């Protein structure tokens, strides 16, 4: 959490540097902006690839779990998995679901909540399939977010390089200087 806070502040300072450099035509601030964006782009690539590798490894470990492993899990672990993924048991339709009183893991009171695997509205999805599909979805999200972020970074760096080189686009407000008087 501290790392995210520091990263957010550094991005904010980078944005301020870029805005100040662009508004005041200050080359030093634009150079700082370009360098910081390039560093952040490399950092995003590293963290994104690392996250995808971790999720892929987690999915491989989950694929290796069998129904015998699921039976050996304590009831609290089964209950947590069933609440987190909205599933029941290991595979769809098996009798391995935890059906006892569920603990509300997301509140500080540790009160009991209704078990998702009891009654007519019980989930028909097994936790094995639910974990794999949620992990695959998370991998796709991280990959798409990484690609979009890098496109924005490349566009921003390109714009800053153009601004730093002094090849500015004429502004509409500059046209009044060369306009002929109406009178």
N, C-alpha and C. Protein backbone atom coordinates (compact mmCIF):
# COMPACT_ATOMS: atom_id res chain seq x y z
N UNK A 1 0.82 -1.19 0.00
CA UNK A 1 0.00 0.00 0.00
C UNK A 1 0.87 1.25 0.00
N UNK A 2 1.96 1.20 0.75
CA UNK A 2 2.86 2.34 0.77
C UNK A 2 3.49 2.56 -0.60
N UNK A 3 3.81 1.47 -1.28
CA UNK A 3 4.41 1.59 -2.61
C UNK A 3 3.43 2.23 -3.59
N UNK A 4 2.16 1.86 -3.49
CA UNK A 4 1.15 2.47 -4.37
C UNK A 4 1.01 3.95 -4.08
N UNK A 5 1.08 4.33 -2.81
CA UNK A 5 0.98 5.73 -2.43
C UNK A 5 2.16 6.52 -2.98
N UNK A 6 3.36 5.98 -2.84
CA UNK A 6 4.56 6.64 -3.37
C UNK A 6 4.50 6.73 -4.89
N UNK A 7 4.06 5.66 -5.54
CA UNK A 7 3.94 5.65 -7.00
C UNK A 7 2.91 6.69 -7.45
N UNK A 8 1.80 6.81 -6.75
CA UNK A 8 0.78 7.79 -7.08
C UNK A 8 1.29 9.22 -6.93
N UNK A 9 2.03 9.48 -5.86
CA UNK A 9 2.59 10.82 -5.67
C UNK A 9 3.60 11.12 -6.76
N UNK A 10 4.43 10.14 -7.12
CA UNK A 10 5.42 10.38 -8.18
C UNK A 10 4.73 10.65 -9.53
N UNK A 11 3.64 9.95 -9.80
CA UNK A 11 2.90 10.24 -11.03
C UNK A 11 2.28 11.63 -11.00
N UNK A 12 1.78 12.03 -9.84
CA UNK A 12 1.22 13.37 -9.70
C UNK A 12 2.27 14.45 -9.92
N UNK A 13 3.44 14.27 -9.32
CA UNK A 13 4.52 15.24 -9.51
C UNK A 13 5.01 15.25 -10.96
N UNK A 14 5.01 14.08 -11.58
CA UNK A 14 5.39 14.00 -12.99
C UNK A 14 4.40 14.78 -13.85
N UNK A 15 3.12 14.63 -13.57
CA UNK A 15 2.10 15.35 -14.33
C UNK A 15 2.22 16.86 -14.13
N UNK A 16 2.48 17.29 -12.90
CA UNK A 16 2.65 18.72 -12.62
C UNK A 16 3.87 19.25 -13.38
N UNK A 17 4.94 18.48 -13.37
CA UNK A 17 6.15 18.88 -14.11
C UNK A 17 5.86 19.03 -15.60
N UNK A 18 5.12 18.08 -16.17
CA UNK A 18 4.78 18.15 -17.59
C UNK A 18 3.89 19.33 -17.91
N UNK A 19 2.89 19.58 -17.05
CA UNK A 19 2.00 20.73 -17.28
C UNK A 19 2.76 22.04 -17.18
N UNK A 20 3.59 22.18 -16.15
CA UNK A 20 4.36 23.41 -15.98
C UNK A 20 5.32 23.61 -17.16
N UNK A 21 5.98 22.53 -17.57
CA UNK A 21 6.90 22.63 -18.70
C UNK A 21 6.21 23.00 -19.99
N UNK A 22 5.03 22.46 -20.21
CA UNK A 22 4.30 22.76 -21.44
C UNK A 22 3.73 24.17 -21.43
N UNK A 23 3.17 24.58 -20.30
CA UNK A 23 2.56 25.91 -20.22
C UNK A 23 3.59 27.04 -20.28
N UNK A 24 4.74 26.81 -19.67
CA UNK A 24 5.74 27.88 -19.58
C UNK A 24 6.88 27.69 -20.59
N UNK A 25 6.75 26.71 -21.47
CA UNK A 25 7.82 26.39 -22.43
C UNK A 25 9.16 26.22 -21.72
N UNK A 26 9.14 25.52 -20.60
CA UNK A 26 10.34 25.29 -19.79
C UNK A 26 10.91 23.91 -20.14
N UNK A 27 12.05 23.92 -20.84
CA UNK A 27 12.64 22.70 -21.38
C UNK A 27 13.08 21.75 -20.27
N UNK A 28 13.59 22.26 -19.18
CA UNK A 28 14.06 21.40 -18.09
C UNK A 28 12.92 20.58 -17.50
N UNK A 29 11.79 21.23 -17.27
CA UNK A 29 10.64 20.49 -16.72
C UNK A 29 10.11 19.47 -17.72
N UNK A 30 10.16 19.78 -18.99
CA UNK A 30 9.74 18.81 -20.00
C UNK A 30 10.70 17.62 -20.03
N UNK A 31 12.00 17.87 -19.85
CA UNK A 31 12.98 16.78 -19.82
C UNK A 31 12.75 15.89 -18.60
N UNK A 32 12.43 16.51 -17.46
CA UNK A 32 12.11 15.73 -16.25
C UNK A 32 10.86 14.89 -16.49
N UNK A 33 9.86 15.49 -17.13
CA UNK A 33 8.61 14.79 -17.43
C UNK A 33 8.87 13.59 -18.34
N UNK A 34 9.66 13.79 -19.39
CA UNK A 34 9.96 12.70 -20.33
C UNK A 34 10.70 11.57 -19.61
N UNK A 35 11.70 11.92 -18.81
CA UNK A 35 12.46 10.90 -18.08
C UNK A 35 11.61 10.14 -17.08
N UNK A 36 10.77 10.87 -16.35
CA UNK A 36 9.92 10.21 -15.36
C UNK A 36 8.88 9.32 -16.02
N UNK A 37 8.30 9.77 -17.15
CA UNK A 37 7.34 8.92 -17.86
C UNK A 37 8.01 7.66 -18.41
N UNK A 38 9.21 7.81 -18.93
CA UNK A 38 9.93 6.64 -19.45
C UNK A 38 10.21 5.66 -18.32
N UNK A 39 10.63 6.18 -17.16
CA UNK A 39 10.88 5.31 -16.01
C UNK A 39 9.60 4.61 -15.57
N UNK A 40 8.48 5.37 -15.51
CA UNK A 40 7.20 4.77 -15.12
C UNK A 40 6.74 3.73 -16.12
N UNK A 41 7.01 3.95 -17.41
CA UNK A 41 6.63 2.97 -18.43
C UNK A 41 7.40 1.66 -18.22
N UNK A 42 8.69 1.78 -17.95
CA UNK A 42 9.51 0.58 -17.69
C UNK A 42 9.02 -0.12 -16.43
N UNK A 43 8.71 0.67 -15.41
CA UNK A 43 8.21 0.10 -14.16
C UNK A 43 6.87 -0.60 -14.37
N UNK A 44 5.97 0.00 -15.17
CA UNK A 44 4.68 -0.62 -15.46
C UNK A 44 4.86 -1.94 -16.20
N UNK A 45 5.79 -1.98 -17.14
CA UNK A 45 6.04 -3.22 -17.87
C UNK A 45 6.52 -4.29 -16.91
N UNK A 46 7.47 -3.93 -16.05
CA UNK A 46 8.01 -4.90 -15.09
C UNK A 46 6.93 -5.43 -14.15
N UNK A 47 6.15 -4.53 -13.56
CA UNK A 47 5.11 -4.94 -12.61
C UNK A 47 4.01 -5.73 -13.33
N UNK A 48 3.64 -5.30 -14.53
CA UNK A 48 2.61 -6.00 -15.28
C UNK A 48 3.01 -7.42 -15.65
N UNK A 49 4.23 -7.57 -16.17
CA UNK A 49 4.71 -8.91 -16.54
C UNK A 49 4.85 -9.77 -15.29
N UNK A 50 5.36 -9.20 -14.21
CA UNK A 50 5.50 -9.96 -12.96
C UNK A 50 4.13 -10.42 -12.46
N UNK A 51 3.13 -9.53 -12.53
CA UNK A 51 1.78 -9.90 -12.08
C UNK A 51 1.20 -11.03 -12.92
N UNK A 52 1.37 -10.95 -14.23
CA UNK A 52 0.85 -11.99 -15.12
C UNK A 52 1.53 -13.32 -14.83
N UNK A 53 2.84 -13.29 -14.60
CA UNK A 53 3.57 -14.53 -14.27
C UNK A 53 3.05 -15.11 -12.96
N UNK A 54 2.83 -14.25 -11.94
CA UNK A 54 2.32 -14.73 -10.66
C UNK A 54 0.93 -15.35 -10.81
N UNK A 55 0.07 -14.70 -11.59
CA UNK A 55 -1.28 -15.25 -11.79
C UNK A 55 -1.23 -16.56 -12.56
N UNK A 56 -0.33 -16.66 -13.52
CA UNK A 56 -0.18 -17.90 -14.28
C UNK A 56 0.30 -19.03 -13.37
N UNK A 57 1.25 -18.73 -12.50
CA UNK A 57 1.74 -19.74 -11.55
C UNK A 57 0.64 -20.16 -10.59
N UNK A 58 -0.16 -19.20 -10.14
CA UNK A 58 -1.27 -19.52 -9.23
C UNK A 58 -2.28 -20.42 -9.93
N UNK A 59 -2.54 -20.14 -11.21
CA UNK A 59 -3.49 -20.96 -11.96
C UNK A 59 -2.94 -22.38 -12.14
N UNK A 60 -1.65 -22.51 -12.39
CA UNK A 60 -1.06 -23.85 -12.52
C UNK A 60 -1.17 -24.62 -11.21
N UNK A 61 -0.94 -23.92 -10.08
CA UNK A 61 -1.06 -24.60 -8.77
C UNK A 61 -2.50 -25.03 -8.53
N UNK A 62 -3.46 -24.19 -8.91
CA UNK A 62 -4.87 -24.54 -8.71
C UNK A 62 -5.27 -25.69 -9.61
N UNK A 63 -4.70 -25.75 -10.81
CA UNK A 63 -4.99 -26.87 -11.71
C UNK A 63 -4.49 -28.19 -11.13
N UNK A 64 -3.44 -28.12 -10.33
CA UNK A 64 -2.86 -29.33 -9.73
C UNK A 64 -3.65 -29.85 -8.54
N UNK A 65 -4.56 -29.04 -8.01
CA UNK A 65 -5.35 -29.46 -6.85
C UNK A 65 -6.41 -30.45 -7.30
N UNK A 66 -6.53 -31.52 -6.56
CA UNK A 66 -7.53 -32.55 -6.86
C UNK A 66 -8.64 -32.51 -5.82
N UNK A 67 -9.66 -33.27 -6.05
CA UNK A 67 -10.76 -33.33 -5.08
C UNK A 67 -10.28 -33.91 -3.76
N UNK A 68 -9.26 -34.77 -3.79
CA UNK A 68 -8.71 -35.29 -2.54
C UNK A 68 -8.04 -34.18 -1.73
N UNK A 69 -7.35 -33.26 -2.43
CA UNK A 69 -6.77 -32.11 -1.75
C UNK A 69 -7.87 -31.24 -1.13
N UNK A 70 -8.96 -31.03 -1.89
CA UNK A 70 -10.07 -30.22 -1.41
C UNK A 70 -10.66 -30.81 -0.14
N UNK A 71 -10.79 -32.15 -0.11
CA UNK A 71 -11.33 -32.81 1.08
C UNK A 71 -10.45 -32.55 2.29
N UNK A 72 -9.14 -32.43 2.08
CA UNK A 72 -8.20 -32.24 3.18
C UNK A 72 -8.18 -30.80 3.70
N UNK A 73 -8.73 -29.86 2.93
CA UNK A 73 -8.75 -28.47 3.38
C UNK A 73 -9.60 -28.35 4.64
N UNK A 74 -9.22 -27.48 5.56
CA UNK A 74 -10.10 -27.23 6.72
C UNK A 74 -11.39 -26.55 6.24
N UNK A 75 -12.43 -26.70 7.03
CA UNK A 75 -13.73 -26.12 6.65
C UNK A 75 -13.63 -24.61 6.46
N UNK A 76 -12.79 -23.94 7.24
CA UNK A 76 -12.67 -22.48 7.12
C UNK A 76 -12.08 -22.09 5.76
N UNK A 77 -11.16 -22.88 5.23
CA UNK A 77 -10.58 -22.60 3.92
C UNK A 77 -11.61 -22.82 2.82
N UNK A 78 -12.39 -23.89 2.94
CA UNK A 78 -13.46 -24.14 1.96
C UNK A 78 -14.49 -23.02 2.00
N UNK A 79 -14.87 -22.61 3.22
CA UNK A 79 -15.85 -21.54 3.38
C UNK A 79 -15.34 -20.25 2.76
N UNK A 80 -14.09 -19.90 2.98
CA UNK A 80 -13.51 -18.69 2.42
C UNK A 80 -13.50 -18.75 0.89
N UNK A 81 -13.09 -19.88 0.32
CA UNK A 81 -13.07 -20.02 -1.14
C UNK A 81 -14.48 -19.92 -1.71
N UNK A 82 -15.44 -20.55 -1.06
CA UNK A 82 -16.82 -20.53 -1.55
C UNK A 82 -17.41 -19.12 -1.49
N UNK A 83 -17.08 -18.36 -0.46
CA UNK A 83 -17.57 -16.98 -0.37
C UNK A 83 -16.86 -16.08 -1.38
N UNK A 84 -15.56 -16.25 -1.53
CA UNK A 84 -14.78 -15.38 -2.41
C UNK A 84 -15.16 -15.56 -3.87
N UNK A 85 -15.42 -16.79 -4.28
CA UNK A 85 -15.67 -17.07 -5.69
C UNK A 85 -17.12 -17.41 -6.01
N UNK A 86 -17.99 -17.38 -5.00
CA UNK A 86 -19.40 -17.66 -5.24
C UNK A 86 -19.63 -19.05 -5.79
N UNK A 87 -18.92 -20.02 -5.25
CA UNK A 87 -18.98 -21.39 -5.76
C UNK A 87 -19.32 -22.35 -4.63
N UNK A 88 -19.54 -23.61 -5.00
CA UNK A 88 -19.84 -24.64 -4.01
C UNK A 88 -19.05 -25.90 -4.34
N UNK A 89 -18.32 -26.39 -3.36
CA UNK A 89 -17.58 -27.63 -3.55
C UNK A 89 -16.41 -27.48 -4.50
N UNK A 90 -15.83 -28.62 -4.86
CA UNK A 90 -14.67 -28.60 -5.75
C UNK A 90 -15.09 -28.53 -7.20
N UNK A 91 -15.92 -29.46 -7.61
CA UNK A 91 -16.46 -29.47 -8.98
C UNK A 91 -17.98 -29.27 -8.91
N UNK A 92 -18.54 -28.84 -10.02
CA UNK A 92 -19.98 -28.63 -10.07
C UNK A 92 -20.71 -29.95 -9.80
N UNK A 93 -21.63 -29.90 -8.85
CA UNK A 93 -22.47 -31.07 -8.57
C UNK A 93 -21.89 -32.08 -7.61
N UNK A 94 -20.67 -31.88 -7.11
CA UNK A 94 -20.14 -32.86 -6.16
C UNK A 94 -20.70 -32.58 -4.76
N UNK A 95 -20.45 -33.47 -3.85
CA UNK A 95 -20.95 -33.33 -2.48
C UNK A 95 -19.84 -32.88 -1.54
N UNK A 96 -18.90 -32.10 -2.04
CA UNK A 96 -17.76 -31.70 -1.23
C UNK A 96 -17.86 -30.27 -0.71
N UNK A 97 -19.01 -29.63 -0.89
CA UNK A 97 -19.17 -28.25 -0.44
C UNK A 97 -19.25 -28.19 1.08
N UNK A 98 -18.69 -27.12 1.63
CA UNK A 98 -18.85 -26.85 3.06
C UNK A 98 -20.23 -26.26 3.25
N UNK A 99 -21.06 -26.89 4.09
CA UNK A 99 -22.44 -26.45 4.26
C UNK A 99 -22.75 -26.01 5.68
N UNK A 100 -21.72 -25.84 6.49
CA UNK A 100 -21.92 -25.39 7.87
C UNK A 100 -22.15 -23.89 7.94
N UNK A 101 -22.16 -23.34 9.15
CA UNK A 101 -22.34 -21.89 9.29
C UNK A 101 -21.12 -21.15 8.71
N UNK A 102 -21.38 -20.14 7.92
CA UNK A 102 -20.31 -19.38 7.28
C UNK A 102 -19.94 -18.18 8.12
N UNK A 103 -18.66 -17.91 8.19
CA UNK A 103 -18.15 -16.73 8.90
C UNK A 103 -18.01 -15.61 7.88
N UNK A 104 -18.43 -14.41 8.27
CA UNK A 104 -18.30 -13.24 7.39
C UNK A 104 -16.84 -12.77 7.48
N UNK A 105 -16.03 -13.18 6.50
CA UNK A 105 -14.61 -12.88 6.51
C UNK A 105 -14.31 -11.42 6.24
N UNK A 106 -15.27 -10.68 5.68
CA UNK A 106 -15.01 -9.31 5.25
C UNK A 106 -15.50 -8.26 6.23
N UNK A 107 -16.00 -8.67 7.39
CA UNK A 107 -16.36 -7.69 8.40
C UNK A 107 -15.52 -7.95 9.64
N UNK A 108 -15.41 -6.96 10.48
CA UNK A 108 -14.57 -7.10 11.67
C UNK A 108 -15.27 -7.87 12.78
N UNK A 109 -16.56 -8.10 12.65
CA UNK A 109 -17.31 -8.74 13.74
C UNK A 109 -17.23 -10.26 13.72
N UNK A 110 -16.77 -10.84 12.60
CA UNK A 110 -16.73 -12.30 12.44
C UNK A 110 -18.09 -12.94 12.74
N UNK A 111 -19.14 -12.27 12.32
CA UNK A 111 -20.47 -12.82 12.51
C UNK A 111 -20.73 -13.88 11.45
N UNK A 112 -21.77 -14.67 11.67
CA UNK A 112 -22.09 -15.70 10.69
C UNK A 112 -23.02 -15.12 9.63
N UNK A 113 -22.88 -15.64 8.43
CA UNK A 113 -23.73 -15.25 7.30
C UNK A 113 -24.33 -16.53 6.72
N UNK A 114 -25.30 -16.38 5.85
CA UNK A 114 -25.91 -17.56 5.27
C UNK A 114 -24.92 -18.23 4.31
N UNK A 115 -24.89 -19.52 4.34
CA UNK A 115 -23.99 -20.29 3.50
C UNK A 115 -24.53 -20.32 2.07
N UNK A 116 -23.67 -20.02 1.12
CA UNK A 116 -24.07 -19.99 -0.29
C UNK A 116 -24.43 -21.37 -0.83
N UNK A 117 -24.02 -22.41 -0.16
CA UNK A 117 -24.18 -23.76 -0.69
C UNK A 117 -25.35 -24.52 -0.07
N UNK A 118 -26.19 -23.81 0.65
CA UNK A 118 -27.37 -24.47 1.23
C UNK A 118 -28.62 -23.87 0.61
N UNK A 119 -29.65 -24.64 0.54
CA UNK A 119 -30.93 -24.17 0.03
C UNK A 119 -31.03 -24.29 -1.48
N UNK A 120 -32.14 -23.77 -1.99
CA UNK A 120 -32.42 -23.89 -3.41
C UNK A 120 -31.53 -23.00 -4.28
N UNK A 121 -31.08 -21.89 -3.75
CA UNK A 121 -30.28 -20.94 -4.54
C UNK A 121 -28.80 -21.25 -4.52
N UNK A 122 -28.44 -22.47 -4.17
CA UNK A 122 -27.02 -22.83 -4.07
C UNK A 122 -26.34 -22.73 -5.44
N UNK A 123 -25.12 -22.29 -5.40
CA UNK A 123 -24.35 -22.14 -6.63
C UNK A 123 -24.11 -23.50 -7.27
N UNK A 124 -24.15 -23.53 -8.58
CA UNK A 124 -23.92 -24.78 -9.32
C UNK A 124 -22.49 -24.85 -9.85
N UNK A 125 -21.71 -23.81 -9.60
CA UNK A 125 -20.34 -23.77 -10.09
C UNK A 125 -19.39 -24.32 -9.03
N UNK A 126 -18.47 -25.17 -9.44
CA UNK A 126 -17.45 -25.68 -8.54
C UNK A 126 -16.34 -24.66 -8.35
N UNK A 127 -15.69 -24.68 -7.20
CA UNK A 127 -14.64 -23.71 -6.90
C UNK A 127 -13.42 -23.90 -7.80
N UNK A 128 -13.18 -25.11 -8.28
CA UNK A 128 -12.05 -25.35 -9.18
C UNK A 128 -12.22 -24.52 -10.45
N UNK A 129 -13.39 -24.60 -11.07
CA UNK A 129 -13.66 -23.84 -12.30
C UNK A 129 -13.74 -22.34 -12.03
N UNK A 130 -14.34 -21.96 -10.89
CA UNK A 130 -14.49 -20.53 -10.57
C UNK A 130 -13.13 -19.87 -10.38
N UNK A 131 -12.21 -20.55 -9.71
CA UNK A 131 -10.88 -19.97 -9.48
C UNK A 131 -10.13 -19.80 -10.80
N UNK A 132 -10.20 -20.80 -11.64
CA UNK A 132 -9.49 -20.74 -12.93
C UNK A 132 -10.06 -19.63 -13.80
N UNK A 133 -11.39 -19.50 -13.87
CA UNK A 133 -11.98 -18.46 -14.72
C UNK A 133 -11.71 -17.07 -14.17
N UNK A 134 -11.74 -16.89 -12.85
CA UNK A 134 -11.46 -15.56 -12.30
C UNK A 134 -10.00 -15.18 -12.49
N UNK A 135 -9.12 -16.16 -12.40
CA UNK A 135 -7.69 -15.90 -12.60
C UNK A 135 -7.41 -15.52 -14.06
N UNK A 136 -8.06 -16.22 -14.99
CA UNK A 136 -7.89 -15.92 -16.41
C UNK A 136 -8.42 -14.51 -16.71
N UNK A 137 -9.55 -14.15 -16.13
CA UNK A 137 -10.09 -12.81 -16.32
C UNK A 137 -9.17 -11.74 -15.76
N UNK A 138 -8.55 -12.00 -14.62
CA UNK A 138 -7.62 -11.04 -14.03
C UNK A 138 -6.39 -10.87 -14.91
N UNK A 139 -5.89 -11.96 -15.48
CA UNK A 139 -4.74 -11.87 -16.39
C UNK A 139 -5.08 -10.99 -17.59
N UNK A 140 -6.25 -11.18 -18.17
CA UNK A 140 -6.67 -10.37 -19.32
C UNK A 140 -6.78 -8.90 -18.94
N UNK A 141 -7.37 -8.62 -17.78
CA UNK A 141 -7.51 -7.25 -17.32
C UNK A 141 -6.15 -6.58 -17.17
N UNK A 142 -5.21 -7.25 -16.53
CA UNK A 142 -3.88 -6.68 -16.33
C UNK A 142 -3.20 -6.43 -17.68
N UNK A 143 -3.32 -7.37 -18.60
CA UNK A 143 -2.70 -7.21 -19.91
C UNK A 143 -3.31 -6.04 -20.68
N UNK A 144 -4.62 -5.92 -20.69
CA UNK A 144 -5.29 -4.81 -21.40
C UNK A 144 -4.93 -3.48 -20.74
N UNK A 145 -4.94 -3.43 -19.41
CA UNK A 145 -4.59 -2.21 -18.69
C UNK A 145 -3.15 -1.82 -19.00
N UNK A 146 -2.26 -2.78 -19.05
CA UNK A 146 -0.86 -2.51 -19.35
C UNK A 146 -0.70 -1.95 -20.76
N UNK A 147 -1.37 -2.53 -21.73
CA UNK A 147 -1.26 -2.06 -23.12
C UNK A 147 -1.80 -0.64 -23.25
N UNK A 148 -2.97 -0.37 -22.66
CA UNK A 148 -3.55 0.98 -22.73
C UNK A 148 -2.64 2.00 -22.04
N UNK A 149 -2.11 1.64 -20.88
CA UNK A 149 -1.22 2.55 -20.15
C UNK A 149 0.03 2.86 -20.95
N UNK A 150 0.58 1.85 -21.60
CA UNK A 150 1.80 2.08 -22.39
C UNK A 150 1.51 2.94 -23.62
N UNK A 151 0.36 2.77 -24.24
CA UNK A 151 -0.01 3.61 -25.38
C UNK A 151 -0.12 5.07 -24.93
N UNK A 152 -0.75 5.29 -23.79
CA UNK A 152 -0.87 6.65 -23.26
C UNK A 152 0.50 7.23 -22.93
N UNK A 153 1.38 6.41 -22.34
CA UNK A 153 2.73 6.87 -22.02
C UNK A 153 3.50 7.25 -23.28
N UNK A 154 3.43 6.41 -24.30
CA UNK A 154 4.15 6.69 -25.55
C UNK A 154 3.62 7.97 -26.19
N UNK A 155 2.30 8.13 -26.20
CA UNK A 155 1.71 9.35 -26.75
C UNK A 155 2.17 10.57 -25.96
N UNK A 156 2.17 10.48 -24.63
CA UNK A 156 2.57 11.61 -23.78
C UNK A 156 4.04 11.94 -23.97
N UNK A 157 4.88 10.93 -24.04
CA UNK A 157 6.31 11.17 -24.25
C UNK A 157 6.53 11.82 -25.62
N UNK A 158 5.84 11.34 -26.64
CA UNK A 158 5.99 11.92 -27.98
C UNK A 158 5.57 13.39 -27.99
N UNK A 159 4.46 13.69 -27.34
CA UNK A 159 4.00 15.08 -27.28
C UNK A 159 4.99 15.95 -26.53
N UNK A 160 5.57 15.44 -25.47
CA UNK A 160 6.54 16.22 -24.70
C UNK A 160 7.83 16.43 -25.49
N UNK A 161 8.24 15.42 -26.26
CA UNK A 161 9.44 15.57 -27.08
C UNK A 161 9.23 16.64 -28.14
N UNK A 162 8.05 16.65 -28.76
CA UNK A 162 7.74 17.68 -29.75
C UNK A 162 7.74 19.06 -29.09
N UNK A 163 7.12 19.16 -27.91
CA UNK A 163 7.09 20.44 -27.21
C UNK A 163 8.49 20.88 -26.80
N UNK A 164 9.31 19.93 -26.40
CA UNK A 164 10.68 20.26 -25.97
C UNK A 164 11.53 20.72 -27.14
N UNK A 165 11.27 20.17 -28.33
CA UNK A 165 12.07 20.54 -29.49
C UNK A 165 11.72 21.93 -30.02
N UNK A 166 10.62 22.49 -29.53
CA UNK A 166 10.25 23.85 -29.91
C UNK A 166 9.39 23.92 -31.15
N UNK A 167 8.99 22.80 -31.70
CA UNK A 167 8.12 22.78 -32.88
C UNK A 167 6.68 22.84 -32.41
N UNK A 168 6.28 24.01 -32.01
CA UNK A 168 4.93 24.14 -31.47
C UNK A 168 3.92 24.35 -32.58
N UNK A 169 2.71 24.00 -32.28
CA UNK A 169 1.60 24.18 -33.20
C UNK A 169 1.06 25.59 -32.98
N UNK A 170 0.82 26.36 -34.05
CA UNK A 170 0.30 27.72 -33.85
C UNK A 170 -1.05 27.69 -33.14
N UNK A 171 -1.21 28.58 -32.20
CA UNK A 171 -2.44 28.66 -31.44
C UNK A 171 -3.38 29.66 -32.09
N UNK A 172 -4.68 29.46 -31.91
CA UNK A 172 -5.66 30.39 -32.45
C UNK A 172 -5.49 31.77 -31.83
N UNK A 173 -5.07 31.80 -30.58
CA UNK A 173 -4.91 33.08 -29.90
C UNK A 173 -3.76 33.89 -30.49
N UNK A 174 -2.83 33.24 -31.20
CA UNK A 174 -1.72 33.94 -31.82
C UNK A 174 -2.12 34.58 -33.15
N UNK A 175 -3.24 34.21 -33.73
CA UNK A 175 -3.66 34.71 -35.03
C UNK A 175 -4.04 36.19 -35.00
N UNK A 176 -4.44 36.72 -33.89
CA UNK A 176 -4.87 38.11 -33.81
C UNK A 176 -3.72 39.07 -34.10
N UNK A 177 -2.48 38.60 -33.85
CA UNK A 177 -1.32 39.48 -34.06
C UNK A 177 -1.13 39.81 -35.55
N UNK A 178 -1.44 38.86 -36.41
CA UNK A 178 -1.22 39.08 -37.83
C UNK A 178 -2.49 39.51 -38.58
N UNK A 179 -3.58 39.65 -37.88
CA UNK A 179 -4.84 40.01 -38.52
C UNK A 179 -4.83 41.49 -38.92
N UNK A 180 -5.47 41.78 -40.00
CA UNK A 180 -5.58 43.17 -40.43
C UNK A 180 -6.72 43.84 -39.69
N UNK A 181 -6.54 45.09 -39.36
CA UNK A 181 -7.61 45.80 -38.64
C UNK A 181 -8.87 45.95 -39.49
N UNK A 182 -10.00 45.90 -38.85
CA UNK A 182 -11.26 46.01 -39.55
C UNK A 182 -11.58 47.45 -39.95
N UNK A 183 -11.03 48.43 -39.29
CA UNK A 183 -11.32 49.82 -39.60
C UNK A 183 -10.46 50.37 -40.67
